[in-house]
C-alpha cells in the first residue's frame, strides 16, 4: 500500500475513533467510566475505548471501524463481511482482534464477577439489523458488532443492576492499573 493511501486510512480511522468518543461522552451521565486509546502494559497494540459499567459488573472492550459507506455489514457463513455479493469483503479478522483484546484484558484484570464484553462499532456501513453477534476462536461468547447509532442506547439498556459507584470505582482503579495511555 502506498504511503499516502495508508495515511488516508489512518486519518479515517482516527476520525472514526473521535466520533465514537463523542458518542461515549453521553454515557458519563449514566455513570459509565470511559478510557480512550489505551494499551495493556507490555503490549504494543492499542485498544480504542474501554468502558466500566455503572454497576461495576462489566468492562467493555470497544474497537472502532470506519467501513465503506453504504455497504452493509453482514454475517455470511458465520463471518463478518462488509458488503454483499461480489463486493463482500471478509472483515472477520477484526472480530478476532477485538476478541483477543478482550481475552487479554479479562486475564490482566483478574476480577471475578466482572464480565468483559468485546464490541466493535462500525461507522458508515449499516449493520444488518443494527447489531450482529459473531464468534471468534479466542472468545467463548459473542463478539458484538453494531452500528454507531445503536451504541449508546444499547449500552444504557444493557445495565440491569443498580449503579454501584463504589464497585465501579474499584473496577476502574484496576483498569487504570493494567491499562496505560497508548501514546
N, C-alpha and C. Protein backbone atom coordinates (compact mmCIF):
# COMPACT_ATOMS: atom_id res chain seq x y z
N UNK A 1 0.86 -1.17 0.00
CA UNK A 1 0.00 0.00 0.00
C UNK A 1 0.90 1.24 0.00
N UNK A 2 0.54 2.21 -0.80
CA UNK A 2 1.32 3.46 -0.87
C UNK A 2 1.19 4.23 0.44
N UNK A 3 2.21 5.02 0.73
CA UNK A 3 2.24 5.77 1.99
C UNK A 3 1.07 6.74 2.10
N UNK A 4 0.71 7.41 0.99
CA UNK A 4 -0.40 8.36 1.07
C UNK A 4 -1.74 7.65 1.29
N UNK A 5 -1.89 6.46 0.73
CA UNK A 5 -3.12 5.69 0.94
C UNK A 5 -3.19 5.20 2.39
N UNK A 6 -2.04 4.78 2.93
CA UNK A 6 -2.01 4.34 4.32
C UNK A 6 -2.33 5.50 5.26
N UNK A 7 -1.79 6.68 4.97
CA UNK A 7 -2.06 7.86 5.80
C UNK A 7 -3.54 8.21 5.76
N UNK A 8 -4.17 8.08 4.59
CA UNK A 8 -5.60 8.37 4.46
C UNK A 8 -6.42 7.39 5.31
N UNK A 9 -6.01 6.12 5.32
CA UNK A 9 -6.71 5.13 6.15
C UNK A 9 -6.57 5.46 7.63
N UNK A 10 -5.37 5.86 8.06
CA UNK A 10 -5.17 6.22 9.47
C UNK A 10 -6.00 7.44 9.84
N UNK A 11 -6.06 8.42 8.94
CA UNK A 11 -6.87 9.61 9.21
C UNK A 11 -8.35 9.24 9.35
N UNK A 12 -8.82 8.38 8.47
CA UNK A 12 -10.22 7.95 8.53
C UNK A 12 -10.49 7.19 9.83
N UNK A 13 -9.54 6.33 10.22
CA UNK A 13 -9.69 5.58 11.47
C UNK A 13 -9.70 6.50 12.68
N UNK A 14 -8.82 7.51 12.68
CA UNK A 14 -8.77 8.47 13.80
C UNK A 14 -10.07 9.26 13.89
N UNK A 15 -10.61 9.64 12.74
CA UNK A 15 -11.88 10.37 12.74
C UNK A 15 -13.00 9.49 13.29
N UNK A 16 -12.98 8.21 12.96
CA UNK A 16 -13.98 7.28 13.50
C UNK A 16 -13.87 7.13 15.01
N UNK A 17 -12.63 7.04 15.51
CA UNK A 17 -12.42 6.93 16.95
C UNK A 17 -12.90 8.19 17.67
N UNK A 18 -12.66 9.35 17.06
CA UNK A 18 -13.14 10.61 17.66
C UNK A 18 -14.67 10.65 17.67
N UNK A 19 -15.30 10.18 16.60
CA UNK A 19 -16.76 10.15 16.54
C UNK A 19 -17.31 9.21 17.62
N UNK A 20 -16.67 8.07 17.81
CA UNK A 20 -17.10 7.14 18.85
C UNK A 20 -16.91 7.77 20.23
N UNK A 21 -15.79 8.45 20.44
CA UNK A 21 -15.54 9.11 21.73
C UNK A 21 -16.63 10.13 22.04
N UNK A 22 -17.08 10.86 21.01
CA UNK A 22 -18.17 11.84 21.23
C UNK A 22 -19.46 11.12 21.64
N UNK A 23 -19.73 9.98 21.03
CA UNK A 23 -20.92 9.21 21.41
C UNK A 23 -20.79 8.70 22.85
N UNK A 24 -19.63 8.19 23.18
CA UNK A 24 -19.42 7.62 24.51
C UNK A 24 -19.51 8.68 25.61
N UNK A 25 -19.23 9.92 25.28
CA UNK A 25 -19.34 11.00 26.28
C UNK A 25 -20.76 11.08 26.85
N UNK A 26 -21.76 10.69 26.08
CA UNK A 26 -23.15 10.68 26.56
C UNK A 26 -23.36 9.67 27.69
N UNK A 27 -22.52 8.65 27.74
CA UNK A 27 -22.68 7.61 28.76
C UNK A 27 -22.24 8.08 30.15
N UNK A 28 -21.43 9.11 30.21
CA UNK A 28 -20.95 9.60 31.51
C UNK A 28 -22.11 10.00 32.41
N UNK A 29 -23.16 10.56 31.82
CA UNK A 29 -24.33 10.98 32.60
C UNK A 29 -25.05 9.78 33.21
N UNK A 30 -24.82 8.58 32.68
CA UNK A 30 -25.45 7.36 33.20
C UNK A 30 -24.53 6.61 34.16
N UNK A 31 -23.37 7.18 34.45
CA UNK A 31 -22.45 6.56 35.40
C UNK A 31 -21.36 5.69 34.80
N UNK A 32 -21.33 5.59 33.48
CA UNK A 32 -20.27 4.83 32.83
C UNK A 32 -18.94 5.56 32.98
N UNK A 33 -17.86 4.81 33.08
CA UNK A 33 -16.49 5.34 33.10
C UNK A 33 -15.84 4.93 31.77
N UNK A 34 -15.10 5.85 31.16
CA UNK A 34 -14.56 5.60 29.83
C UNK A 34 -13.07 5.95 29.78
N UNK A 35 -12.31 5.10 29.13
CA UNK A 35 -10.90 5.37 28.83
C UNK A 35 -10.71 5.20 27.33
N UNK A 36 -9.92 6.09 26.74
CA UNK A 36 -9.70 6.07 25.29
C UNK A 36 -8.23 5.81 24.99
N UNK A 37 -7.98 5.10 23.90
CA UNK A 37 -6.66 4.89 23.33
C UNK A 37 -5.66 4.42 24.40
N UNK A 38 -5.88 3.20 24.86
CA UNK A 38 -5.04 2.62 25.91
C UNK A 38 -4.42 1.32 25.40
N UNK A 39 -3.47 0.81 26.17
CA UNK A 39 -2.87 -0.48 25.86
C UNK A 39 -2.58 -1.20 27.17
N UNK A 40 -2.51 -2.51 27.10
CA UNK A 40 -2.07 -3.29 28.25
C UNK A 40 -0.57 -3.10 28.41
N UNK A 41 -0.13 -3.03 29.64
CA UNK A 41 1.31 -2.93 29.88
C UNK A 41 2.01 -4.10 29.19
N UNK A 42 3.09 -3.79 28.49
CA UNK A 42 3.86 -4.83 27.81
C UNK A 42 3.32 -5.23 26.45
N UNK A 43 2.23 -4.64 26.01
CA UNK A 43 1.66 -4.95 24.68
C UNK A 43 1.84 -3.75 23.77
N UNK A 44 1.91 -4.01 22.49
CA UNK A 44 2.11 -2.92 21.53
C UNK A 44 0.82 -2.41 20.90
N UNK A 45 -0.21 -3.23 20.89
CA UNK A 45 -1.45 -2.81 20.24
C UNK A 45 -2.24 -1.87 21.14
N UNK A 46 -3.04 -1.01 20.50
CA UNK A 46 -3.90 -0.11 21.29
C UNK A 46 -5.33 -0.62 21.28
N UNK A 47 -6.03 -0.27 22.34
CA UNK A 47 -7.46 -0.54 22.44
C UNK A 47 -8.13 0.82 22.35
N UNK A 48 -9.05 0.96 21.40
CA UNK A 48 -9.65 2.26 21.13
C UNK A 48 -10.37 2.83 22.34
N UNK A 49 -11.21 2.02 22.99
CA UNK A 49 -12.03 2.50 24.11
C UNK A 49 -12.26 1.35 25.10
N UNK A 50 -12.21 1.66 26.38
CA UNK A 50 -12.55 0.69 27.43
C UNK A 50 -13.54 1.39 28.35
N UNK A 51 -14.63 0.70 28.66
CA UNK A 51 -15.69 1.27 29.49
C UNK A 51 -15.94 0.39 30.70
N UNK A 52 -16.27 1.02 31.81
CA UNK A 52 -16.68 0.31 33.02
C UNK A 52 -18.14 0.68 33.27
N UNK A 53 -18.96 -0.35 33.49
CA UNK A 53 -20.39 -0.12 33.70
C UNK A 53 -20.63 0.57 35.03
N UNK A 54 -21.77 1.27 35.15
CA UNK A 54 -22.08 1.98 36.39
C UNK A 54 -22.24 1.06 37.60
N UNK A 55 -22.55 -0.21 37.37
CA UNK A 55 -22.72 -1.15 38.47
C UNK A 55 -21.41 -1.87 38.80
N UNK A 56 -20.39 -1.67 37.99
CA UNK A 56 -19.10 -2.30 38.24
C UNK A 56 -19.05 -3.78 37.96
N UNK A 57 -19.99 -4.28 37.17
CA UNK A 57 -20.02 -5.71 36.87
C UNK A 57 -19.57 -6.03 35.45
N UNK A 58 -19.28 -5.00 34.65
CA UNK A 58 -18.89 -5.24 33.26
C UNK A 58 -17.84 -4.24 32.80
N UNK A 59 -16.96 -4.74 31.94
CA UNK A 59 -15.97 -3.93 31.25
C UNK A 59 -16.17 -4.17 29.76
N UNK A 60 -16.30 -3.11 28.99
CA UNK A 60 -16.48 -3.21 27.55
C UNK A 60 -15.16 -2.86 26.88
N UNK A 61 -14.69 -3.75 26.02
CA UNK A 61 -13.50 -3.51 25.20
C UNK A 61 -14.04 -3.22 23.81
N UNK A 62 -13.89 -1.96 23.39
CA UNK A 62 -14.56 -1.48 22.18
C UNK A 62 -13.55 -1.05 21.13
N UNK A 63 -13.73 -1.55 19.93
CA UNK A 63 -12.91 -1.18 18.79
C UNK A 63 -13.80 -0.45 17.79
N UNK A 64 -13.25 0.60 17.19
CA UNK A 64 -14.00 1.40 16.22
C UNK A 64 -13.50 1.10 14.81
N UNK A 65 -14.42 0.96 13.88
CA UNK A 65 -14.07 0.78 12.47
C UNK A 65 -14.90 1.72 11.60
N UNK A 66 -14.28 2.21 10.54
CA UNK A 66 -14.97 3.02 9.54
C UNK A 66 -14.87 2.23 8.24
N UNK A 67 -16.01 1.68 7.81
CA UNK A 67 -16.01 0.84 6.62
C UNK A 67 -16.69 1.56 5.47
N UNK A 68 -16.79 0.89 4.33
CA UNK A 68 -17.29 1.50 3.10
C UNK A 68 -18.70 2.07 3.27
N UNK A 69 -18.82 3.32 2.95
CA UNK A 69 -20.12 4.00 3.04
C UNK A 69 -21.15 3.27 2.17
N UNK A 70 -22.26 2.95 2.80
CA UNK A 70 -23.37 2.36 2.06
C UNK A 70 -23.33 0.85 1.94
N UNK A 71 -22.17 0.23 2.07
CA UNK A 71 -22.12 -1.23 2.01
C UNK A 71 -22.51 -1.79 3.37
N UNK A 72 -23.47 -2.70 3.40
CA UNK A 72 -23.91 -3.22 4.70
C UNK A 72 -22.88 -4.14 5.34
N UNK A 73 -22.89 -4.17 6.66
CA UNK A 73 -22.09 -5.13 7.42
C UNK A 73 -23.02 -6.29 7.74
N UNK A 74 -22.60 -7.48 7.32
CA UNK A 74 -23.46 -8.66 7.43
C UNK A 74 -22.66 -9.87 7.89
N UNK A 75 -23.38 -10.89 8.34
CA UNK A 75 -22.77 -12.19 8.61
C UNK A 75 -23.00 -13.08 7.40
N UNK A 76 -21.93 -13.60 6.84
CA UNK A 76 -22.01 -14.55 5.73
C UNK A 76 -21.26 -15.81 6.15
N UNK A 77 -21.97 -16.93 6.22
CA UNK A 77 -21.37 -18.19 6.64
C UNK A 77 -20.63 -18.05 7.97
N UNK A 78 -21.23 -17.28 8.90
CA UNK A 78 -20.68 -17.13 10.23
C UNK A 78 -19.53 -16.13 10.36
N UNK A 79 -19.21 -15.43 9.27
CA UNK A 79 -18.11 -14.47 9.28
C UNK A 79 -18.65 -13.08 8.95
N UNK A 80 -18.07 -12.06 9.56
CA UNK A 80 -18.49 -10.69 9.32
C UNK A 80 -17.88 -10.19 8.02
N UNK A 81 -18.74 -9.62 7.18
CA UNK A 81 -18.33 -9.05 5.90
C UNK A 81 -18.86 -7.63 5.77
N UNK A 82 -18.15 -6.82 5.02
CA UNK A 82 -18.64 -5.51 4.63
C UNK A 82 -19.01 -5.63 3.16
N UNK A 83 -20.31 -5.49 2.88
CA UNK A 83 -20.81 -5.64 1.52
C UNK A 83 -21.39 -7.02 1.30
N UNK A 84 -22.05 -7.16 0.17
CA UNK A 84 -22.66 -8.43 -0.19
C UNK A 84 -22.28 -8.76 -1.63
N UNK A 85 -22.57 -9.99 -2.02
CA UNK A 85 -22.30 -10.41 -3.40
C UNK A 85 -20.82 -10.28 -3.75
N UNK A 86 -20.55 -9.78 -4.96
CA UNK A 86 -19.17 -9.64 -5.44
C UNK A 86 -18.38 -8.60 -4.65
N UNK A 87 -19.07 -7.69 -3.96
CA UNK A 87 -18.39 -6.63 -3.21
C UNK A 87 -18.15 -7.01 -1.74
N UNK A 88 -18.49 -8.22 -1.34
CA UNK A 88 -18.33 -8.63 0.06
C UNK A 88 -16.85 -8.77 0.40
N UNK A 89 -16.44 -8.03 1.42
CA UNK A 89 -15.06 -8.11 1.91
C UNK A 89 -15.09 -8.74 3.29
N UNK A 90 -14.35 -9.82 3.46
CA UNK A 90 -14.29 -10.51 4.75
C UNK A 90 -13.57 -9.61 5.75
N UNK A 91 -14.25 -9.26 6.82
CA UNK A 91 -13.69 -8.41 7.87
C UNK A 91 -13.62 -9.14 9.21
N UNK A 92 -13.69 -10.46 9.14
CA UNK A 92 -13.75 -11.23 10.38
C UNK A 92 -12.45 -11.15 11.19
N UNK A 93 -11.36 -10.83 10.54
CA UNK A 93 -10.10 -10.67 11.28
C UNK A 93 -10.24 -9.58 12.34
N UNK A 94 -11.06 -8.57 12.07
CA UNK A 94 -11.29 -7.50 13.06
C UNK A 94 -12.05 -8.04 14.27
N UNK A 95 -12.95 -8.97 14.04
CA UNK A 95 -13.70 -9.61 15.13
C UNK A 95 -12.72 -10.41 15.99
N UNK A 96 -11.84 -11.14 15.34
CA UNK A 96 -10.87 -11.94 16.07
C UNK A 96 -9.91 -11.06 16.87
N UNK A 97 -9.55 -9.90 16.33
CA UNK A 97 -8.67 -8.99 17.07
C UNK A 97 -9.34 -8.47 18.34
N UNK A 98 -10.57 -7.97 18.23
CA UNK A 98 -11.24 -7.41 19.41
C UNK A 98 -11.51 -8.53 20.43
N UNK A 99 -11.77 -9.75 19.96
CA UNK A 99 -11.92 -10.88 20.88
C UNK A 99 -10.61 -11.14 21.62
N UNK A 100 -9.51 -11.05 20.91
CA UNK A 100 -8.20 -11.22 21.54
C UNK A 100 -7.91 -10.13 22.55
N UNK A 101 -8.24 -8.89 22.20
CA UNK A 101 -8.06 -7.78 23.14
C UNK A 101 -8.87 -8.04 24.42
N UNK A 102 -10.12 -8.46 24.23
CA UNK A 102 -10.99 -8.70 25.39
C UNK A 102 -10.45 -9.84 26.25
N UNK A 103 -9.97 -10.90 25.62
CA UNK A 103 -9.40 -12.02 26.38
C UNK A 103 -8.17 -11.57 27.17
N UNK A 104 -7.33 -10.76 26.54
CA UNK A 104 -6.14 -10.25 27.22
C UNK A 104 -6.52 -9.34 28.39
N UNK A 105 -7.51 -8.47 28.18
CA UNK A 105 -7.95 -7.56 29.25
C UNK A 105 -8.56 -8.37 30.39
N UNK A 106 -9.39 -9.33 30.07
CA UNK A 106 -10.01 -10.16 31.11
C UNK A 106 -8.94 -10.85 31.95
N UNK A 107 -7.94 -11.41 31.30
CA UNK A 107 -6.87 -12.08 32.02
C UNK A 107 -6.06 -11.12 32.88
N UNK A 108 -5.78 -9.93 32.36
CA UNK A 108 -4.99 -8.95 33.10
C UNK A 108 -5.77 -8.38 34.29
N UNK A 109 -7.07 -8.17 34.11
CA UNK A 109 -7.87 -7.62 35.20
C UNK A 109 -7.97 -8.60 36.36
N UNK A 110 -8.23 -9.85 36.04
CA UNK A 110 -8.35 -10.87 37.09
C UNK A 110 -9.41 -10.54 38.12
N UNK A 111 -10.55 -10.06 37.67
CA UNK A 111 -11.62 -9.66 38.58
C UNK A 111 -12.79 -10.64 38.48
N UNK A 112 -12.93 -11.54 39.46
CA UNK A 112 -14.08 -12.45 39.44
C UNK A 112 -15.38 -11.66 39.52
N UNK A 113 -16.37 -12.13 38.79
CA UNK A 113 -17.68 -11.48 38.81
C UNK A 113 -17.79 -10.28 37.88
N UNK A 114 -16.72 -9.95 37.17
CA UNK A 114 -16.77 -8.85 36.20
C UNK A 114 -16.70 -9.45 34.80
N UNK A 115 -17.74 -9.19 34.02
CA UNK A 115 -17.84 -9.70 32.66
C UNK A 115 -17.13 -8.73 31.72
N UNK A 116 -16.33 -9.27 30.81
CA UNK A 116 -15.71 -8.46 29.77
C UNK A 116 -16.50 -8.69 28.49
N UNK A 117 -16.84 -7.61 27.82
CA UNK A 117 -17.71 -7.66 26.66
C UNK A 117 -16.97 -7.07 25.45
N UNK A 118 -16.57 -7.89 24.46
CA UNK A 118 -15.93 -7.36 23.26
C UNK A 118 -16.98 -6.77 22.31
N UNK A 119 -16.69 -5.60 21.81
CA UNK A 119 -17.65 -4.88 20.98
C UNK A 119 -16.91 -4.15 19.87
N UNK A 120 -17.46 -4.22 18.67
CA UNK A 120 -16.92 -3.49 17.53
C UNK A 120 -18.03 -2.58 17.01
N UNK A 121 -17.76 -1.28 16.97
CA UNK A 121 -18.75 -0.33 16.47
C UNK A 121 -18.30 0.11 15.08
N UNK A 122 -19.27 0.15 14.15
CA UNK A 122 -18.97 0.44 12.75
C UNK A 122 -19.62 1.76 12.34
N UNK A 123 -18.82 2.62 11.76
CA UNK A 123 -19.31 3.86 11.17
C UNK A 123 -19.40 3.68 9.65
N UNK A 124 -20.36 4.34 9.04
CA UNK A 124 -20.60 4.40 7.59
C UNK A 124 -21.31 3.18 7.01
N UNK A 125 -21.03 2.01 7.49
CA UNK A 125 -21.60 0.79 6.93
C UNK A 125 -22.75 0.33 7.82
N UNK A 126 -23.98 0.36 7.33
CA UNK A 126 -25.11 -0.06 8.17
C UNK A 126 -24.99 -1.54 8.54
N UNK A 127 -25.14 -1.84 9.81
CA UNK A 127 -25.05 -3.21 10.29
C UNK A 127 -26.43 -3.85 10.16
N UNK A 128 -26.47 -5.02 9.55
CA UNK A 128 -27.74 -5.72 9.34
C UNK A 128 -28.46 -5.89 10.67
N UNK A 129 -29.68 -5.37 10.76
CA UNK A 129 -30.46 -5.45 11.98
C UNK A 129 -29.95 -4.54 13.09
N UNK A 130 -28.95 -3.71 12.80
CA UNK A 130 -28.39 -2.79 13.78
C UNK A 130 -27.32 -3.40 14.66
N UNK A 131 -27.34 -4.74 14.78
CA UNK A 131 -26.39 -5.42 15.66
C UNK A 131 -26.23 -6.87 15.22
N UNK A 132 -25.00 -7.35 15.24
CA UNK A 132 -24.70 -8.74 14.93
C UNK A 132 -23.95 -9.37 16.11
N UNK A 133 -24.10 -10.65 16.27
CA UNK A 133 -23.32 -11.41 17.25
C UNK A 133 -22.48 -12.41 16.48
N UNK A 134 -21.16 -12.23 16.54
CA UNK A 134 -20.23 -13.10 15.83
C UNK A 134 -19.43 -13.90 16.84
N UNK A 135 -18.70 -14.88 16.37
CA UNK A 135 -17.86 -15.66 17.27
C UNK A 135 -16.42 -15.62 16.78
N UNK A 136 -15.51 -15.88 17.71
CA UNK A 136 -14.09 -15.89 17.39
C UNK A 136 -13.42 -16.97 18.23
N UNK A 137 -12.36 -17.58 17.71
CA UNK A 137 -11.72 -18.69 18.41
C UNK A 137 -11.25 -18.37 19.83
N UNK A 138 -10.77 -17.16 20.08
CA UNK A 138 -10.22 -16.84 21.41
C UNK A 138 -11.29 -16.40 22.40
N UNK A 139 -12.54 -16.41 21.99
CA UNK A 139 -13.59 -15.89 22.86
C UNK A 139 -14.74 -16.88 22.93
N UNK A 140 -15.15 -17.23 24.13
CA UNK A 140 -16.20 -18.23 24.31
C UNK A 140 -17.60 -17.72 24.03
N UNK A 141 -17.81 -16.42 24.10
CA UNK A 141 -19.15 -15.87 23.88
C UNK A 141 -19.21 -15.06 22.60
N UNK A 142 -20.18 -14.19 22.54
CA UNK A 142 -20.39 -13.38 21.34
C UNK A 142 -19.47 -12.16 21.33
N UNK A 143 -19.05 -11.81 20.14
CA UNK A 143 -18.41 -10.52 19.88
C UNK A 143 -19.47 -9.73 19.14
N UNK A 144 -19.89 -8.60 19.73
CA UNK A 144 -20.98 -7.83 19.15
C UNK A 144 -20.44 -6.79 18.17
N UNK A 145 -21.16 -6.66 17.06
CA UNK A 145 -20.86 -5.66 16.04
C UNK A 145 -22.11 -4.82 15.91
N UNK A 146 -21.97 -3.50 16.05
CA UNK A 146 -23.17 -2.67 15.95
C UNK A 146 -22.91 -1.37 15.23
N UNK A 147 -23.99 -0.83 14.69
CA UNK A 147 -23.94 0.49 14.06
C UNK A 147 -23.70 1.54 15.13
N UNK A 148 -23.01 2.60 14.75
CA UNK A 148 -22.68 3.66 15.70
C UNK A 148 -23.93 4.25 16.35
N UNK A 149 -25.02 4.36 15.60
CA UNK A 149 -26.23 4.97 16.17
C UNK A 149 -26.89 4.08 17.23
N UNK A 150 -26.53 2.82 17.29
CA UNK A 150 -27.10 1.90 18.30
C UNK A 150 -26.25 1.82 19.56
N UNK A 151 -25.04 2.37 19.52
CA UNK A 151 -24.08 2.18 20.60
C UNK A 151 -24.58 2.66 21.96
N UNK A 152 -24.93 3.93 22.06
CA UNK A 152 -25.33 4.48 23.36
C UNK A 152 -26.61 3.83 23.87
N UNK A 153 -27.68 3.74 23.08
CA UNK A 153 -28.88 3.08 23.61
C UNK A 153 -28.64 1.64 24.04
N UNK A 154 -27.81 0.92 23.30
CA UNK A 154 -27.54 -0.48 23.64
C UNK A 154 -26.80 -0.59 24.97
N UNK A 155 -25.81 0.27 25.18
CA UNK A 155 -25.06 0.20 26.44
C UNK A 155 -25.90 0.67 27.62
N UNK A 156 -26.69 1.72 27.43
CA UNK A 156 -27.57 2.18 28.51
C UNK A 156 -28.56 1.07 28.87
N UNK A 157 -29.12 0.43 27.86
CA UNK A 157 -30.09 -0.63 28.09
C UNK A 157 -29.50 -1.92 28.63
N UNK A 158 -28.20 -2.10 28.49
CA UNK A 158 -27.56 -3.33 28.95
C UNK A 158 -27.41 -3.38 30.46
N UNK A 159 -27.48 -2.24 31.12
CA UNK A 159 -27.29 -2.19 32.57
C UNK A 159 -28.61 -2.54 33.26
N UNK A 160 -28.61 -3.68 33.91
CA UNK A 160 -29.82 -4.15 34.60
C UNK A 160 -29.70 -4.00 36.12
N UNK A 161 -28.46 -3.93 36.61
CA UNK A 161 -28.24 -3.81 38.06
C UNK A 161 -28.24 -2.35 38.48
N UNK A 162 -28.44 -2.13 39.77
CA UNK A 162 -28.37 -0.77 40.33
C UNK A 162 -26.96 -0.24 40.20
N UNK A 163 -26.83 1.04 39.95
CA UNK A 163 -25.49 1.62 39.95
C UNK A 163 -24.81 1.39 41.31
N UNK A 164 -23.54 1.06 41.24
CA UNK A 164 -22.75 0.85 42.45
C UNK A 164 -21.43 1.61 42.25
N UNK A 165 -21.44 2.92 42.54
CA UNK A 165 -20.24 3.73 42.29
C UNK A 165 -18.99 3.20 42.99
N UNK A 166 -19.15 2.60 44.17
CA UNK A 166 -18.00 2.05 44.88
C UNK A 166 -17.37 0.90 44.11
N UNK A 167 -18.21 -0.04 43.70
CA UNK A 167 -17.70 -1.19 42.94
C UNK A 167 -17.16 -0.73 41.59
N UNK A 168 -17.86 0.18 40.91
CA UNK A 168 -17.38 0.69 39.63
C UNK A 168 -16.02 1.37 39.81
N UNK A 169 -15.85 2.08 40.92
CA UNK A 169 -14.57 2.74 41.20
C UNK A 169 -13.44 1.74 41.40
N UNK A 170 -13.73 0.62 42.06
CA UNK A 170 -12.72 -0.42 42.26
C UNK A 170 -12.32 -1.02 40.91
N UNK A 171 -13.31 -1.30 40.07
CA UNK A 171 -13.03 -1.87 38.75
C UNK A 171 -12.25 -0.86 37.91
N UNK A 172 -12.64 0.40 37.94
CA UNK A 172 -11.92 1.42 37.18
C UNK A 172 -10.47 1.55 37.67
N UNK A 173 -10.26 1.48 38.97
CA UNK A 173 -8.90 1.56 39.50
C UNK A 173 -8.05 0.39 38.97
N UNK A 174 -8.66 -0.78 38.89
CA UNK A 174 -7.93 -1.94 38.35
C UNK A 174 -7.66 -1.75 36.85
N UNK A 175 -8.64 -1.24 36.13
CA UNK A 175 -8.44 -0.94 34.71
C UNK A 175 -7.26 0.02 34.56
N UNK A 176 -7.21 1.04 35.38
CA UNK A 176 -6.12 2.02 35.29
C UNK A 176 -4.77 1.44 35.71
N UNK A 177 -4.77 0.37 36.49
CA UNK A 177 -3.51 -0.30 36.84
C UNK A 177 -2.94 -1.09 35.68
N UNK A 178 -3.82 -1.76 34.93
CA UNK A 178 -3.33 -2.66 33.89
C UNK A 178 -3.33 -2.05 32.50
N UNK A 179 -4.05 -0.96 32.31
CA UNK A 179 -4.08 -0.28 31.02
C UNK A 179 -3.45 1.10 31.16
N UNK A 180 -2.62 1.45 30.21
CA UNK A 180 -1.93 2.75 30.24
C UNK A 180 -2.21 3.48 28.93
N UNK A 181 -2.07 4.80 28.91
CA UNK A 181 -2.26 5.53 27.65
C UNK A 181 -1.35 4.96 26.56
N UNK A 182 -1.88 4.86 25.36
CA UNK A 182 -1.14 4.27 24.24
C UNK A 182 0.02 5.16 23.81
N UNK A 183 -0.24 6.45 23.72
CA UNK A 183 0.79 7.38 23.24
C UNK A 183 1.85 7.51 24.24
